[in-house]
């Protein structure tokens, strides 16, 4: 089992890259812990670069949409070499044909790709336990403007500007987003 735990040396960063690359190539999940919480996540990684990874989140044998997350927030990551991964493969839980075409080279490119999809998204700052849900109106080199709706499905009158520096993740096509979007 390969394991990466955040440390100062380059070898650990290479291990993180290797774990994600191996999971992409084998179409298997990995377990990841983030600095901002105690719980772990399982992802089918789809792409990565030095700053971000894009993955399909797996929860109890179901895919729950896609997330783009910052690598700087990873506390530890390990490959998943267990029966569950074999079940996921045998049951064809993840269909890579459903993988979205998203440019993850920068926040600006990410939001440009997501804006073209014209669907609601969730932007989070997990360090402050805060999230925004809504539709991308515009974006710049430093921020994104999101027209939000609240828990009652009421749209705000004007967009909220969110600095990229305040964003830890962006999610789309999750069950939460799909069902809320159906009723707003």
C-alpha atoms as a PDB file:
ATOM      1  CA  UNK A   1       0.000   0.000   0.000  1.00  0.00           C
ATOM      2  CA  UNK A   2       1.422   3.346  -1.008  1.00  0.00           C
ATOM      3  CA  UNK A   3       0.950   6.103   1.510  1.00  0.00           C
ATOM      4  CA  UNK A   4       1.658   9.815   1.437  1.00  0.00           C
ATOM      5  CA  UNK A   5       1.579  11.927   4.570  1.00  0.00           C
ATOM      6  CA  UNK A   6       2.266  15.631   4.271  1.00  0.00           C
ATOM      7  CA  UNK A   7       5.890  16.355   5.000  1.00  0.00           C
ATOM      8  CA  UNK A   8       8.613  18.616   3.752  1.00  0.00           C
ATOM      9  CA  UNK A   9      10.526  16.315   1.452  1.00  0.00           C
ATOM     10  CA  UNK A  10      10.081  15.913  -2.287  1.00  0.00           C
ATOM     11  CA  UNK A  11       9.785  12.132  -2.062  1.00  0.00           C
ATOM     12  CA  UNK A  12       6.453  12.457  -0.247  1.00  0.00           C
ATOM     13  CA  UNK A  13       5.092  14.775  -2.938  1.00  0.00           C
ATOM     14  CA  UNK A  14       6.210  12.262  -5.562  1.00  0.00           C
ATOM     15  CA  UNK A  15       4.378   9.526  -3.636  1.00  0.00           C
ATOM     16  CA  UNK A  16       1.184  11.596  -3.739  1.00  0.00           C
ATOM     17  CA  UNK A  17       1.560  12.078  -7.505  1.00  0.00           C
ATOM     18  CA  UNK A  18       2.249   8.350  -7.923  1.00  0.00           C
ATOM     19  CA  UNK A  19      -0.800   7.284  -5.925  1.00  0.00           C
ATOM     20  CA  UNK A  20      -3.103   9.540  -7.942  1.00  0.00           C
ATOM     21  CA  UNK A  21      -1.525   8.527 -11.278  1.00  0.00           C
ATOM     22  CA  UNK A  22      -1.715   4.812 -10.422  1.00  0.00           C
ATOM     23  CA  UNK A  23      -5.383   5.207  -9.456  1.00  0.00           C
ATOM     24  CA  UNK A  24      -6.136   7.026 -12.720  1.00  0.00           C
ATOM     25  CA  UNK A  25      -4.401   4.313 -14.749  1.00  0.00           C
ATOM     26  CA  UNK A  26      -5.997   1.403 -12.865  1.00  0.00           C
ATOM     27  CA  UNK A  27      -9.407   3.120 -12.687  1.00  0.00           C
ATOM     28  CA  UNK A  28      -9.501   2.519  -8.940  1.00  0.00           C
ATOM     29  CA  UNK A  29     -10.219   4.660  -5.907  1.00  0.00           C
ATOM     30  CA  UNK A  30      -7.875   6.149  -3.346  1.00  0.00           C
ATOM     31  CA  UNK A  31      -8.501   7.300   0.221  1.00  0.00           C
ATOM     32  CA  UNK A  32      -7.682  10.901   1.069  1.00  0.00           C
ATOM     33  CA  UNK A  33      -7.686  12.925   4.274  1.00  0.00           C
ATOM     34  CA  UNK A  34      -7.723  16.716   4.123  1.00  0.00           C
ATOM     35  CA  UNK A  35      -6.224  19.167   6.618  1.00  0.00           C
ATOM     36  CA  UNK A  36      -9.604  20.694   7.459  1.00  0.00           C
ATOM     37  CA  UNK A  37     -11.450  17.616   8.753  1.00  0.00           C
ATOM     38  CA  UNK A  38     -11.091  14.215  10.372  1.00  0.00           C
ATOM     39  CA  UNK A  39     -13.178  12.225   7.883  1.00  0.00           C
ATOM     40  CA  UNK A  40     -11.721  10.697   4.747  1.00  0.00           C
ATOM     41  CA  UNK A  41     -13.053  10.552   1.192  1.00  0.00           C
ATOM     42  CA  UNK A  42     -12.778   8.015  -1.610  1.00  0.00           C
ATOM     43  CA  UNK A  43     -12.244   9.268  -5.147  1.00  0.00           C
ATOM     44  CA  UNK A  44     -11.922   7.853  -8.617  1.00  0.00           C
ATOM     45  CA  UNK A  45      -9.343  10.370  -9.851  1.00  0.00           C
ATOM     46  CA  UNK A  46      -9.785  11.569 -13.421  1.00  0.00           C
ATOM     47  CA  UNK A  47      -7.071  14.211 -13.822  1.00  0.00           C
ATOM     48  CA  UNK A  48      -4.379  15.944 -11.848  1.00  0.00           C
ATOM     49  CA  UNK A  49      -1.747  18.613 -12.126  1.00  0.00           C
ATOM     50  CA  UNK A  50       0.557  20.220  -9.564  1.00  0.00           C
ATOM     51  CA  UNK A  51      -2.239  22.217  -7.910  1.00  0.00           C
ATOM     52  CA  UNK A  52      -5.496  20.270  -8.332  1.00  0.00           C
ATOM     53  CA  UNK A  53      -7.108  16.925  -8.863  1.00  0.00           C
ATOM     54  CA  UNK A  54     -10.523  16.203 -10.379  1.00  0.00           C
ATOM     55  CA  UNK A  55     -12.284  13.116  -9.083  1.00  0.00           C
ATOM     56  CA  UNK A  56     -15.594  11.326  -8.868  1.00  0.00           C
ATOM     57  CA  UNK A  57     -16.513  10.837  -5.220  1.00  0.00           C
ATOM     58  CA  UNK A  58     -17.486   7.283  -4.227  1.00  0.00           C
ATOM     59  CA  UNK A  59     -19.760   6.746  -1.222  1.00  0.00           C
ATOM     60  CA  UNK A  60     -21.188   3.315  -0.377  1.00  0.00           C
ATOM     61  CA  UNK A  61     -20.890   1.936  -3.931  1.00  0.00           C
ATOM     62  CA  UNK A  62     -22.366   5.048  -5.552  1.00  0.00           C
ATOM     63  CA  UNK A  63     -20.791   7.946  -7.412  1.00  0.00           C
ATOM     64  CA  UNK A  64     -21.787  11.268  -5.886  1.00  0.00           C
ATOM     65  CA  UNK A  65     -20.760  13.738  -8.544  1.00  0.00           C
ATOM     66  CA  UNK A  66     -17.389  15.314  -9.172  1.00  0.00           C
ATOM     67  CA  UNK A  67     -15.044  17.516  -7.157  1.00  0.00           C
ATOM     68  CA  UNK A  68     -12.011  19.592  -7.943  1.00  0.00           C
ATOM     69  CA  UNK A  69      -9.793  19.885  -4.902  1.00  0.00           C
ATOM     70  CA  UNK A  70      -6.535  21.631  -4.067  1.00  0.00           C
ATOM     71  CA  UNK A  71      -3.605  19.314  -3.459  1.00  0.00           C
ATOM     72  CA  UNK A  72      -2.151  21.694  -0.863  1.00  0.00           C
ATOM     73  CA  UNK A  73      -5.033  20.683   1.441  1.00  0.00           C
ATOM     74  CA  UNK A  74      -4.203  16.959   1.388  1.00  0.00           C
ATOM     75  CA  UNK A  75      -3.026  15.652   4.754  1.00  0.00           C
ATOM     76  CA  UNK A  76      -2.592  12.030   3.651  1.00  0.00           C
ATOM     77  CA  UNK A  77      -3.498   9.801   0.751  1.00  0.00           C
ATOM     78  CA  UNK A  78      -3.277   6.057   0.174  1.00  0.00           C
ATOM     79  CA  UNK A  79      -4.182   3.645  -2.550  1.00  0.00           C
ATOM     80  CA  UNK A  80      -7.163   1.424  -1.887  1.00  0.00           C
ATOM     81  CA  UNK A  81      -6.257  -2.216  -2.314  1.00  0.00           C
ATOM     82  CA  UNK A  82      -9.260  -4.004  -0.859  1.00  0.00           C
ATOM     83  CA  UNK A  83     -12.373  -5.991  -1.697  1.00  0.00           C
ATOM     84  CA  UNK A  84     -14.451  -2.811  -2.140  1.00  0.00           C
ATOM     85  CA  UNK A  85     -12.271  -1.673  -5.035  1.00  0.00           C
ATOM     86  CA  UNK A  86     -12.756  -5.079  -6.685  1.00  0.00           C
ATOM     87  CA  UNK A  87     -16.536  -4.844  -6.166  1.00  0.00           C
ATOM     88  CA  UNK A  88     -16.558  -1.342  -7.685  1.00  0.00           C
ATOM     89  CA  UNK A  89     -14.753  -2.691 -10.765  1.00  0.00           C
ATOM     90  CA  UNK A  90     -16.854  -5.859 -11.090  1.00  0.00           C
ATOM     91  CA  UNK A  91     -20.117  -3.946 -10.715  1.00  0.00           C
ATOM     92  CA  UNK A  92     -18.989  -1.204 -13.133  1.00  0.00           C
ATOM     93  CA  UNK A  93     -19.878   1.443 -10.545  1.00  0.00           C
ATOM     94  CA  UNK A  94     -17.881   4.124 -12.302  1.00  0.00           C
ATOM     95  CA  UNK A  95     -18.498   4.675 -16.003  1.00  0.00           C
ATOM     96  CA  UNK A  96     -15.600   6.732 -17.314  1.00  0.00           C
ATOM     97  CA  UNK A  97     -17.738   7.779 -20.309  1.00  0.00           C
ATOM     98  CA  UNK A  98     -19.456  10.118 -17.850  1.00  0.00           C
ATOM     99  CA  UNK A  99     -16.186  11.904 -17.064  1.00  0.00           C
ATOM    100  CA  UNK A 100     -16.530  15.651 -17.599  1.00  0.00           C
ATOM    101  CA  UNK A 101     -14.154  17.612 -19.823  1.00  0.00           C
ATOM    102  CA  UNK A 102     -12.826  20.228 -17.405  1.00  0.00           C
ATOM    103  CA  UNK A 103      -9.617  22.222 -17.768  1.00  0.00           C
ATOM    104  CA  UNK A 104      -8.063  22.160 -14.284  1.00  0.00           C
ATOM    105  CA  UNK A 105      -4.945  24.192 -15.082  1.00  0.00           C
ATOM    106  CA  UNK A 106      -6.108  27.164 -12.930  1.00  0.00           C
ATOM    107  CA  UNK A 107      -9.184  28.375 -11.043  1.00  0.00           C
ATOM    108  CA  UNK A 108      -9.944  30.690 -13.963  1.00  0.00           C
ATOM    109  CA  UNK A 109      -9.861  27.785 -16.454  1.00  0.00           C
ATOM    110  CA  UNK A 110     -11.880  25.590 -14.079  1.00  0.00           C
ATOM    111  CA  UNK A 111     -14.661  28.163 -13.807  1.00  0.00           C
ATOM    112  CA  UNK A 112     -14.544  28.805 -17.560  1.00  0.00           C
ATOM    113  CA  UNK A 113     -15.105  25.088 -18.195  1.00  0.00           C
ATOM    114  CA  UNK A 114     -17.857  24.872 -15.585  1.00  0.00           C
ATOM    115  CA  UNK A 115     -19.617  28.023 -16.867  1.00  0.00           C
ATOM    116  CA  UNK A 116     -19.877  26.403 -20.308  1.00  0.00           C
ATOM    117  CA  UNK A 117     -21.777  23.506 -18.711  1.00  0.00           C
ATOM    118  CA  UNK A 118     -24.396  26.031 -17.457  1.00  0.00           C
ATOM    119  CA  UNK A 119     -25.317  24.059 -14.326  1.00  0.00           C
ATOM    120  CA  UNK A 120     -25.332  24.811 -10.640  1.00  0.00           C
ATOM    121  CA  UNK A 121     -22.202  24.107  -8.600  1.00  0.00           C
ATOM    122  CA  UNK A 122     -21.058  24.197  -4.980  1.00  0.00           C
ATOM    123  CA  UNK A 123     -17.975  26.190  -4.008  1.00  0.00           C
ATOM    124  CA  UNK A 124     -16.550  25.483  -0.557  1.00  0.00           C
ATOM    125  CA  UNK A 125     -14.114  26.847   1.958  1.00  0.00           C
ATOM    126  CA  UNK A 126     -13.880  23.861   4.282  1.00  0.00           C
ATOM    127  CA  UNK A 127     -11.543  25.662   6.690  1.00  0.00           C
ATOM    128  CA  UNK A 128     -14.404  27.980   7.616  1.00  0.00           C
ATOM    129  CA  UNK A 129     -17.177  25.403   7.041  1.00  0.00           C
ATOM    130  CA  UNK A 130     -18.770  27.667   4.456  1.00  0.00           C
ATOM    131  CA  UNK A 131     -20.218  26.933   1.042  1.00  0.00           C
ATOM    132  CA  UNK A 132     -21.983  28.703  -1.797  1.00  0.00           C
ATOM    133  CA  UNK A 133     -24.400  27.026  -4.215  1.00  0.00           C
ATOM    134  CA  UNK A 134     -25.595  28.486  -7.483  1.00  0.00           C
ATOM    135  CA  UNK A 135     -24.707  29.365 -11.046  1.00  0.00           C
ATOM    136  CA  UNK A 136     -21.533  30.996 -12.358  1.00  0.00           C
ATOM    137  CA  UNK A 137     -22.269  34.475 -13.696  1.00  0.00           C
ATOM    138  CA  UNK A 138     -18.707  35.549 -14.502  1.00  0.00           C
ATOM    139  CA  UNK A 139     -15.105  35.103 -13.422  1.00  0.00           C
ATOM    140  CA  UNK A 140     -11.820  36.991 -13.481  1.00  0.00           C
ATOM    141  CA  UNK A 141      -8.211  36.074 -12.861  1.00  0.00           C
ATOM    142  CA  UNK A 142      -8.806  36.451  -9.092  1.00  0.00           C
ATOM    143  CA  UNK A 143     -12.440  35.592  -8.354  1.00  0.00           C
ATOM    144  CA  UNK A 144     -15.685  34.018  -9.491  1.00  0.00           C
ATOM    145  CA  UNK A 145     -19.135  35.632  -9.309  1.00  0.00           C
ATOM    146  CA  UNK A 146     -21.842  33.179  -8.317  1.00  0.00           C
ATOM    147  CA  UNK A 147     -25.581  33.803  -8.323  1.00  0.00           C
ATOM    148  CA  UNK A 148     -26.650  31.867  -5.250  1.00  0.00           C
ATOM    149  CA  UNK A 149     -29.893  30.384  -4.021  1.00  0.00           C
ATOM    150  CA  UNK A 150     -30.709  29.723  -0.377  1.00  0.00           C
ATOM    151  CA  UNK A 151     -32.072  26.684   1.506  1.00  0.00           C
ATOM    152  CA  UNK A 152     -35.607  27.696   0.480  1.00  0.00           C
ATOM    153  CA  UNK A 153     -34.656  27.782  -3.193  1.00  0.00           C
ATOM    154  CA  UNK A 154     -34.827  31.569  -3.407  1.00  0.00           C
ATOM    155  CA  UNK A 155     -32.278  33.188  -5.705  1.00  0.00           C
ATOM    156  CA  UNK A 156     -30.240  36.106  -4.427  1.00  0.00           C
ATOM    157  CA  UNK A 157     -30.742  39.397  -6.271  1.00  0.00           C
ATOM    158  CA  UNK A 158     -27.080  39.907  -7.115  1.00  0.00           C
ATOM    159  CA  UNK A 159     -24.051  37.621  -7.468  1.00  0.00           C
ATOM    160  CA  UNK A 160     -21.524  36.963  -4.716  1.00  0.00           C
ATOM    161  CA  UNK A 161     -17.848  37.482  -5.536  1.00  0.00           C
ATOM    162  CA  UNK A 162     -15.645  34.667  -4.175  1.00  0.00           C
ATOM    163  CA  UNK A 163     -11.860  35.015  -4.197  1.00  0.00           C
ATOM    164  CA  UNK A 164      -9.966  31.985  -5.487  1.00  0.00           C
ATOM    165  CA  UNK A 165      -7.758  32.187  -2.393  1.00  0.00           C
ATOM    166  CA  UNK A 166     -10.871  31.385  -0.295  1.00  0.00           C
ATOM    167  CA  UNK A 167     -11.815  28.252  -2.268  1.00  0.00           C
ATOM    168  CA  UNK A 168     -10.807  24.752  -1.199  1.00  0.00           C
ATOM    169  CA  UNK A 169     -13.079  22.784  -3.559  1.00  0.00           C
ATOM    170  CA  UNK A 170     -15.712  22.940  -6.257  1.00  0.00           C
ATOM    171  CA  UNK A 171     -18.322  20.212  -6.703  1.00  0.00           C
ATOM    172  CA  UNK A 172     -20.791  19.573  -9.490  1.00  0.00           C
ATOM    173  CA  UNK A 173     -23.344  16.944 -10.514  1.00  0.00           C
ATOM    174  CA  UNK A 174     -23.709  15.750  -6.903  1.00  0.00           C
ATOM    175  CA  UNK A 175     -27.059  14.410  -5.682  1.00  0.00           C
ATOM    176  CA  UNK A 176     -27.458  17.483  -3.449  1.00  0.00           C
ATOM    177  CA  UNK A 177     -26.968  19.852  -6.378  1.00  0.00           C
ATOM    178  CA  UNK A 178     -29.139  17.811  -8.771  1.00  0.00           C
ATOM    179  CA  UNK A 179     -32.139  17.627  -6.453  1.00  0.00           C
ATOM    180  CA  UNK A 180     -31.961  21.247  -5.297  1.00  0.00           C
ATOM    181  CA  UNK A 181     -31.528  22.433  -8.888  1.00  0.00           C
ATOM    182  CA  UNK A 182     -34.662  20.579  -9.918  1.00  0.00           C
ATOM    183  CA  UNK A 183     -36.764  22.725  -7.578  1.00  0.00           C
ATOM    184  CA  UNK A 184     -35.245  26.207  -7.823  1.00  0.00           C
END
